[in-house]
Amino acid sequence: MDDRERYQQGMQVRRAVLGDAHVDRATHSASEFTKEFQDFITRVAWGDIWSRPGLPRNTRSLLTLALLVALNRSDEFRMHVRAAANSGVTRDEIKEVLLQCAVYCGIPAANAAFQIASEVLTEAGSPNVAEPR
């Protein structure tokens, strides 16, 4: 697969997981400075990693949530909580991941993640996770 094909595959997966509105905002707001980064994450994160057959998307989504808790990346965590429904993740699965993070990442990290996830899930107003914005 060449870079163009990888980009196209990555964009398809990125849109499926994050939603068109989010991806459109990210790509349209890219500047001369950031456009190569947008290309890079589309090809590598979404075209190479998220497109691999070794794990289902819901597992990749749950892993991403746990890693973002561990790294204290609240903005990305918020975005991926919203996007989790597109990968088939439920509220209960998010809760279980955050409880697991409390043990391995620490109570303060999990506490902050529960706060953010609660806000996002309340905004969603449904039994499942919110749609990406």
N, C-alpha and C. Protein backbone atom coordinates (compact mmCIF):
# COMPACT_ATOMS: atom_id res chain seq x y z
N MET A 1 0.85 -1.17 0.00
CA MET A 1 0.00 0.00 0.00
C MET A 1 0.91 1.25 0.00
N ASP A 2 0.63 2.20 -0.86
CA ASP A 2 1.43 3.42 -0.88
C ASP A 2 0.81 4.46 0.07
N ASP A 3 1.49 5.57 0.24
CA ASP A 3 1.03 6.60 1.19
C ASP A 3 -0.35 7.15 0.85
N ARG A 4 -0.65 7.29 -0.43
CA ARG A 4 -1.97 7.81 -0.83
C ARG A 4 -3.07 6.84 -0.42
N GLU A 5 -2.86 5.55 -0.67
CA GLU A 5 -3.84 4.53 -0.30
C GLU A 5 -3.97 4.44 1.22
N ARG A 6 -2.84 4.52 1.92
CA ARG A 6 -2.85 4.47 3.38
C ARG A 6 -3.63 5.66 3.93
N TYR A 7 -3.43 6.84 3.33
CA TYR A 7 -4.16 8.04 3.75
C TYR A 7 -5.67 7.84 3.54
N GLN A 8 -6.06 7.34 2.37
CA GLN A 8 -7.48 7.12 2.09
C GLN A 8 -8.09 6.12 3.06
N GLN A 9 -7.38 5.03 3.32
CA GLN A 9 -7.87 4.04 4.29
C GLN A 9 -7.95 4.67 5.67
N GLY A 10 -6.92 5.42 6.05
CA GLY A 10 -6.91 6.08 7.35
C GLY A 10 -8.04 7.07 7.50
N MET A 11 -8.32 7.83 6.46
CA MET A 11 -9.40 8.81 6.53
C MET A 11 -10.74 8.12 6.70
N GLN A 12 -10.91 6.99 6.04
CA GLN A 12 -12.16 6.24 6.17
C GLN A 12 -12.34 5.76 7.62
N VAL A 13 -11.31 5.20 8.21
CA VAL A 13 -11.38 4.72 9.59
C VAL A 13 -11.53 5.89 10.56
N ARG A 14 -10.75 6.94 10.34
CA ARG A 14 -10.82 8.13 11.21
C ARG A 14 -12.23 8.69 11.24
N ARG A 15 -12.86 8.80 10.07
CA ARG A 15 -14.23 9.31 10.01
C ARG A 15 -15.21 8.35 10.69
N ALA A 16 -15.00 7.05 10.52
CA ALA A 16 -15.89 6.07 11.14
C ALA A 16 -15.82 6.14 12.66
N VAL A 17 -14.64 6.35 13.19
CA VAL A 17 -14.46 6.37 14.65
C VAL A 17 -14.78 7.75 15.24
N LEU A 18 -14.23 8.80 14.68
CA LEU A 18 -14.37 10.14 15.27
C LEU A 18 -15.57 10.92 14.76
N GLY A 19 -16.09 10.53 13.62
CA GLY A 19 -17.22 11.23 13.03
C GLY A 19 -16.77 12.29 12.04
N ASP A 20 -17.61 12.52 11.05
CA ASP A 20 -17.29 13.48 9.99
C ASP A 20 -17.07 14.88 10.53
N ALA A 21 -17.92 15.32 11.46
CA ALA A 21 -17.82 16.70 11.95
C ALA A 21 -16.46 16.97 12.58
N HIS A 22 -16.00 16.05 13.41
CA HIS A 22 -14.70 16.24 14.06
C HIS A 22 -13.57 16.24 13.03
N VAL A 23 -13.58 15.28 12.12
CA VAL A 23 -12.51 15.18 11.13
C VAL A 23 -12.53 16.39 10.20
N ASP A 24 -13.72 16.83 9.82
CA ASP A 24 -13.80 18.02 8.97
C ASP A 24 -13.22 19.25 9.67
N ARG A 25 -13.53 19.42 10.95
CA ARG A 25 -12.96 20.54 11.71
C ARG A 25 -11.45 20.45 11.76
N ALA A 26 -10.93 19.26 12.06
CA ALA A 26 -9.49 19.08 12.19
C ALA A 26 -8.78 19.33 10.87
N THR A 27 -9.32 18.83 9.79
CA THR A 27 -8.63 18.99 8.51
C THR A 27 -8.79 20.40 7.95
N HIS A 28 -9.95 21.00 8.12
CA HIS A 28 -10.17 22.35 7.60
C HIS A 28 -9.44 23.42 8.41
N SER A 29 -9.18 23.14 9.66
CA SER A 29 -8.46 24.13 10.48
C SER A 29 -6.95 23.94 10.43
N ALA A 30 -6.49 22.96 9.68
CA ALA A 30 -5.05 22.72 9.56
C ALA A 30 -4.40 23.90 8.85
N SER A 31 -3.29 24.32 9.39
CA SER A 31 -2.53 25.43 8.81
C SER A 31 -1.34 24.87 8.03
N GLU A 32 -0.59 25.75 7.41
CA GLU A 32 0.64 25.32 6.75
C GLU A 32 1.53 24.59 7.75
N PHE A 33 1.52 25.05 8.98
CA PHE A 33 2.35 24.46 10.03
C PHE A 33 1.87 23.07 10.43
N THR A 34 0.54 22.85 10.48
CA THR A 34 -0.01 21.60 11.02
C THR A 34 -0.51 20.61 9.97
N LYS A 35 -0.58 21.00 8.70
CA LYS A 35 -1.18 20.10 7.70
C LYS A 35 -0.39 18.80 7.53
N GLU A 36 0.93 18.84 7.66
CA GLU A 36 1.71 17.61 7.55
C GLU A 36 1.45 16.69 8.73
N PHE A 37 1.18 17.28 9.91
CA PHE A 37 0.83 16.46 11.07
C PHE A 37 -0.51 15.78 10.85
N GLN A 38 -1.50 16.49 10.31
CA GLN A 38 -2.80 15.90 10.01
C GLN A 38 -2.65 14.73 9.03
N ASP A 39 -1.82 14.92 8.02
CA ASP A 39 -1.54 13.85 7.07
C ASP A 39 -0.89 12.66 7.77
N PHE A 40 0.08 12.94 8.63
CA PHE A 40 0.80 11.90 9.36
C PHE A 40 -0.14 11.07 10.24
N ILE A 41 -0.98 11.74 11.05
CA ILE A 41 -1.85 10.96 11.94
C ILE A 41 -2.90 10.19 11.15
N THR A 42 -3.33 10.73 10.03
CA THR A 42 -4.31 10.00 9.21
C THR A 42 -3.67 8.74 8.63
N ARG A 43 -2.45 8.86 8.11
CA ARG A 43 -1.77 7.70 7.52
C ARG A 43 -1.32 6.69 8.58
N VAL A 44 -0.68 7.18 9.63
CA VAL A 44 -0.03 6.27 10.58
C VAL A 44 -1.01 5.77 11.64
N ALA A 45 -1.62 6.69 12.39
CA ALA A 45 -2.52 6.27 13.47
C ALA A 45 -3.74 5.54 12.91
N TRP A 46 -4.39 6.15 11.90
CA TRP A 46 -5.65 5.61 11.40
C TRP A 46 -5.45 4.63 10.25
N GLY A 47 -4.52 4.90 9.35
CA GLY A 47 -4.31 4.03 8.20
C GLY A 47 -3.49 2.80 8.50
N ASP A 48 -2.52 2.93 9.41
CA ASP A 48 -1.68 1.78 9.77
C ASP A 48 -2.22 1.05 11.00
N ILE A 49 -2.37 1.75 12.10
CA ILE A 49 -2.68 1.08 13.38
C ILE A 49 -4.16 0.76 13.53
N TRP A 50 -5.04 1.76 13.45
CA TRP A 50 -6.47 1.49 13.65
C TRP A 50 -7.04 0.59 12.55
N SER A 51 -6.36 0.46 11.43
CA SER A 51 -6.84 -0.37 10.32
C SER A 51 -6.36 -1.82 10.40
N ARG A 52 -5.48 -2.11 11.33
CA ARG A 52 -4.95 -3.48 11.44
C ARG A 52 -6.06 -4.45 11.86
N PRO A 53 -6.01 -5.68 11.37
CA PRO A 53 -7.05 -6.65 11.70
C PRO A 53 -6.86 -7.33 13.06
N GLY A 54 -5.74 -7.11 13.75
CA GLY A 54 -5.43 -7.87 14.96
C GLY A 54 -6.31 -7.60 16.16
N LEU A 55 -6.94 -6.43 16.23
CA LEU A 55 -7.84 -6.09 17.34
C LEU A 55 -9.10 -5.43 16.77
N PRO A 56 -10.25 -5.72 17.35
CA PRO A 56 -11.46 -5.02 16.90
C PRO A 56 -11.42 -3.56 17.35
N ARG A 57 -12.18 -2.72 16.67
CA ARG A 57 -12.17 -1.28 16.99
C ARG A 57 -12.58 -0.98 18.41
N ASN A 58 -13.54 -1.73 18.96
CA ASN A 58 -13.94 -1.43 20.34
C ASN A 58 -12.78 -1.67 21.30
N THR A 59 -11.97 -2.68 21.06
CA THR A 59 -10.80 -2.94 21.89
C THR A 59 -9.78 -1.82 21.72
N ARG A 60 -9.55 -1.41 20.49
CA ARG A 60 -8.62 -0.28 20.25
C ARG A 60 -9.12 0.98 20.94
N SER A 61 -10.41 1.20 20.91
CA SER A 61 -10.99 2.37 21.56
C SER A 61 -10.79 2.33 23.08
N LEU A 62 -11.03 1.17 23.67
CA LEU A 62 -10.84 1.02 25.12
C LEU A 62 -9.37 1.18 25.51
N LEU A 63 -8.48 0.61 24.71
CA LEU A 63 -7.04 0.79 24.96
C LEU A 63 -6.65 2.26 24.87
N THR A 64 -7.18 2.93 23.88
CA THR A 64 -6.88 4.35 23.71
C THR A 64 -7.33 5.14 24.93
N LEU A 65 -8.53 4.86 25.44
CA LEU A 65 -9.01 5.55 26.63
C LEU A 65 -8.06 5.32 27.80
N ALA A 66 -7.65 4.08 28.02
CA ALA A 66 -6.75 3.77 29.13
C ALA A 66 -5.41 4.49 28.98
N LEU A 67 -4.88 4.49 27.78
CA LEU A 67 -3.59 5.15 27.55
C LEU A 67 -3.68 6.65 27.75
N LEU A 68 -4.79 7.24 27.33
CA LEU A 68 -4.95 8.68 27.52
C LEU A 68 -5.11 9.05 28.99
N VAL A 69 -5.72 8.17 29.77
CA VAL A 69 -5.77 8.37 31.23
C VAL A 69 -4.36 8.33 31.78
N ALA A 70 -3.60 7.30 31.40
CA ALA A 70 -2.24 7.14 31.90
C ALA A 70 -1.35 8.32 31.55
N LEU A 71 -1.58 8.90 30.39
CA LEU A 71 -0.76 10.02 29.94
C LEU A 71 -1.31 11.39 30.33
N ASN A 72 -2.47 11.38 31.00
CA ASN A 72 -3.11 12.62 31.45
C ASN A 72 -3.38 13.57 30.27
N ARG A 73 -4.00 13.04 29.24
CA ARG A 73 -4.32 13.83 28.04
C ARG A 73 -5.84 14.05 28.00
N SER A 74 -6.31 14.98 28.80
CA SER A 74 -7.75 15.15 29.01
C SER A 74 -8.52 15.55 27.76
N ASP A 75 -7.96 16.42 26.91
CA ASP A 75 -8.69 16.81 25.71
C ASP A 75 -8.89 15.64 24.76
N GLU A 76 -7.83 14.89 24.55
CA GLU A 76 -7.93 13.70 23.69
C GLU A 76 -8.85 12.65 24.33
N PHE A 77 -8.76 12.50 25.67
CA PHE A 77 -9.62 11.55 26.37
C PHE A 77 -11.08 11.91 26.14
N ARG A 78 -11.42 13.19 26.31
CA ARG A 78 -12.80 13.65 26.11
C ARG A 78 -13.27 13.31 24.69
N MET A 79 -12.43 13.59 23.71
CA MET A 79 -12.79 13.30 22.32
C MET A 79 -13.02 11.81 22.11
N HIS A 80 -12.16 10.97 22.69
CA HIS A 80 -12.29 9.52 22.48
C HIS A 80 -13.44 8.92 23.29
N VAL A 81 -13.85 9.54 24.39
CA VAL A 81 -15.07 9.08 25.07
C VAL A 81 -16.25 9.33 24.15
N ARG A 82 -16.30 10.52 23.55
CA ARG A 82 -17.39 10.82 22.61
C ARG A 82 -17.40 9.85 21.44
N ALA A 83 -16.24 9.51 20.95
CA ALA A 83 -16.12 8.66 19.76
C ALA A 83 -16.34 7.18 20.06
N ALA A 84 -16.26 6.80 21.31
CA ALA A 84 -16.29 5.37 21.66
C ALA A 84 -17.53 4.63 21.16
N ALA A 85 -18.67 5.31 21.11
CA ALA A 85 -19.89 4.64 20.64
C ALA A 85 -19.74 4.17 19.20
N ASN A 86 -19.00 4.93 18.40
CA ASN A 86 -18.81 4.56 17.00
C ASN A 86 -18.01 3.27 16.86
N SER A 87 -17.32 2.89 17.93
CA SER A 87 -16.56 1.64 17.93
C SER A 87 -17.29 0.54 18.69
N GLY A 88 -18.51 0.82 19.14
CA GLY A 88 -19.30 -0.17 19.85
C GLY A 88 -19.03 -0.28 21.33
N VAL A 89 -18.44 0.75 21.93
CA VAL A 89 -18.12 0.74 23.35
C VAL A 89 -19.33 1.23 24.16
N THR A 90 -19.56 0.58 25.30
CA THR A 90 -20.68 0.96 26.17
C THR A 90 -20.18 1.76 27.37
N ARG A 91 -21.13 2.38 28.07
CA ARG A 91 -20.81 3.10 29.32
C ARG A 91 -20.15 2.17 30.33
N ASP A 92 -20.69 0.97 30.46
CA ASP A 92 -20.15 0.02 31.44
C ASP A 92 -18.71 -0.37 31.10
N GLU A 93 -18.41 -0.50 29.82
CA GLU A 93 -17.03 -0.82 29.43
C GLU A 93 -16.09 0.34 29.76
N ILE A 94 -16.55 1.55 29.54
CA ILE A 94 -15.73 2.72 29.91
C ILE A 94 -15.49 2.73 31.41
N LYS A 95 -16.54 2.48 32.18
CA LYS A 95 -16.41 2.44 33.64
C LYS A 95 -15.39 1.40 34.06
N GLU A 96 -15.44 0.22 33.47
CA GLU A 96 -14.50 -0.84 33.82
C GLU A 96 -13.06 -0.46 33.48
N VAL A 97 -12.87 0.17 32.33
CA VAL A 97 -11.53 0.63 31.96
C VAL A 97 -11.02 1.66 32.97
N LEU A 98 -11.88 2.56 33.39
CA LEU A 98 -11.46 3.60 34.34
C LEU A 98 -11.17 3.00 35.72
N LEU A 99 -11.90 1.99 36.12
CA LEU A 99 -11.59 1.30 37.38
C LEU A 99 -10.24 0.61 37.28
N GLN A 100 -9.97 -0.01 36.14
CA GLN A 100 -8.67 -0.65 35.92
C GLN A 100 -7.56 0.41 35.96
N CYS A 101 -7.82 1.55 35.36
CA CYS A 101 -6.84 2.65 35.38
C CYS A 101 -6.57 3.14 36.80
N ALA A 102 -7.58 3.10 37.65
CA ALA A 102 -7.39 3.55 39.03
C ALA A 102 -6.30 2.73 39.71
N VAL A 103 -6.24 1.45 39.41
CA VAL A 103 -5.23 0.58 40.00
C VAL A 103 -3.86 0.82 39.38
N TYR A 104 -3.80 0.92 38.06
CA TYR A 104 -2.51 0.95 37.38
C TYR A 104 -2.00 2.35 37.04
N CYS A 105 -2.89 3.34 37.01
CA CYS A 105 -2.47 4.71 36.69
C CYS A 105 -2.56 5.63 37.91
N GLY A 106 -3.33 5.22 38.90
CA GLY A 106 -3.48 6.01 40.10
C GLY A 106 -4.89 6.57 40.25
N ILE A 107 -5.25 6.75 41.50
CA ILE A 107 -6.58 7.27 41.84
C ILE A 107 -6.79 8.68 41.26
N PRO A 108 -5.83 9.60 41.38
CA PRO A 108 -6.07 10.94 40.82
C PRO A 108 -6.33 10.92 39.31
N ALA A 109 -5.60 10.11 38.58
CA ALA A 109 -5.81 10.02 37.13
C ALA A 109 -7.20 9.47 36.82
N ALA A 110 -7.60 8.43 37.52
CA ALA A 110 -8.92 7.84 37.29
C ALA A 110 -10.02 8.79 37.74
N ASN A 111 -9.80 9.50 38.83
CA ASN A 111 -10.78 10.46 39.32
C ASN A 111 -11.05 11.54 38.27
N ALA A 112 -9.99 12.08 37.69
CA ALA A 112 -10.15 13.09 36.65
C ALA A 112 -10.85 12.49 35.43
N ALA A 113 -10.50 11.27 35.06
CA ALA A 113 -11.11 10.61 33.91
C ALA A 113 -12.59 10.33 34.15
N PHE A 114 -12.94 9.89 35.36
CA PHE A 114 -14.36 9.68 35.68
C PHE A 114 -15.13 10.99 35.57
N GLN A 115 -14.53 12.08 36.02
CA GLN A 115 -15.19 13.38 35.94
C GLN A 115 -15.47 13.76 34.48
N ILE A 116 -14.45 13.64 33.65
CA ILE A 116 -14.60 13.98 32.23
C ILE A 116 -15.61 13.05 31.56
N ALA A 117 -15.46 11.76 31.78
CA ALA A 117 -16.37 10.79 31.16
C ALA A 117 -17.81 11.04 31.60
N SER A 118 -18.00 11.35 32.88
CA SER A 118 -19.36 11.64 33.37
C SER A 118 -19.96 12.84 32.65
N GLU A 119 -19.16 13.88 32.45
CA GLU A 119 -19.64 15.07 31.73
C GLU A 119 -20.04 14.71 30.31
N VAL A 120 -19.18 13.98 29.62
CA VAL A 120 -19.44 13.62 28.23
C VAL A 120 -20.67 12.72 28.14
N LEU A 121 -20.76 11.75 29.02
CA LEU A 121 -21.89 10.82 28.98
C LEU A 121 -23.20 11.51 29.35
N THR A 122 -23.15 12.47 30.25
CA THR A 122 -24.34 13.23 30.60
C THR A 122 -24.79 14.09 29.43
N GLU A 123 -23.83 14.72 28.74
CA GLU A 123 -24.14 15.51 27.55
C GLU A 123 -24.82 14.65 26.49
N ALA A 124 -24.42 13.37 26.43
CA ALA A 124 -24.97 12.47 25.42
C ALA A 124 -26.44 12.20 25.66
N GLY A 125 -26.81 12.09 26.95
CA GLY A 125 -28.21 11.86 27.30
C GLY A 125 -28.78 10.57 26.80
N SER A 126 -27.94 9.57 26.55
CA SER A 126 -28.42 8.28 26.08
C SER A 126 -27.71 7.18 26.84
N PRO A 127 -28.22 5.94 26.77
CA PRO A 127 -27.56 4.85 27.50
C PRO A 127 -26.19 4.51 26.96
N ASN A 128 -25.90 4.94 25.75
CA ASN A 128 -24.56 4.69 25.19
C ASN A 128 -23.76 5.98 25.16
N VAL A 129 -22.61 5.90 24.61
CA VAL A 129 -21.69 7.02 24.60
C VAL A 129 -22.11 8.05 23.56
N ALA A 130 -21.66 9.28 23.75
CA ALA A 130 -22.01 10.38 22.87
C ALA A 130 -21.44 10.23 21.47
N GLU A 131 -22.10 10.87 20.53
CA GLU A 131 -21.56 10.99 19.18
C GLU A 131 -20.41 11.98 19.21
N PRO A 132 -19.40 11.79 18.41
CA PRO A 132 -18.31 12.77 18.34
C PRO A 132 -18.81 14.11 17.82
N ARG A 133 -18.15 15.16 18.24
CA ARG A 133 -18.56 16.51 17.78
C ARG A 133 -17.55 17.05 16.84
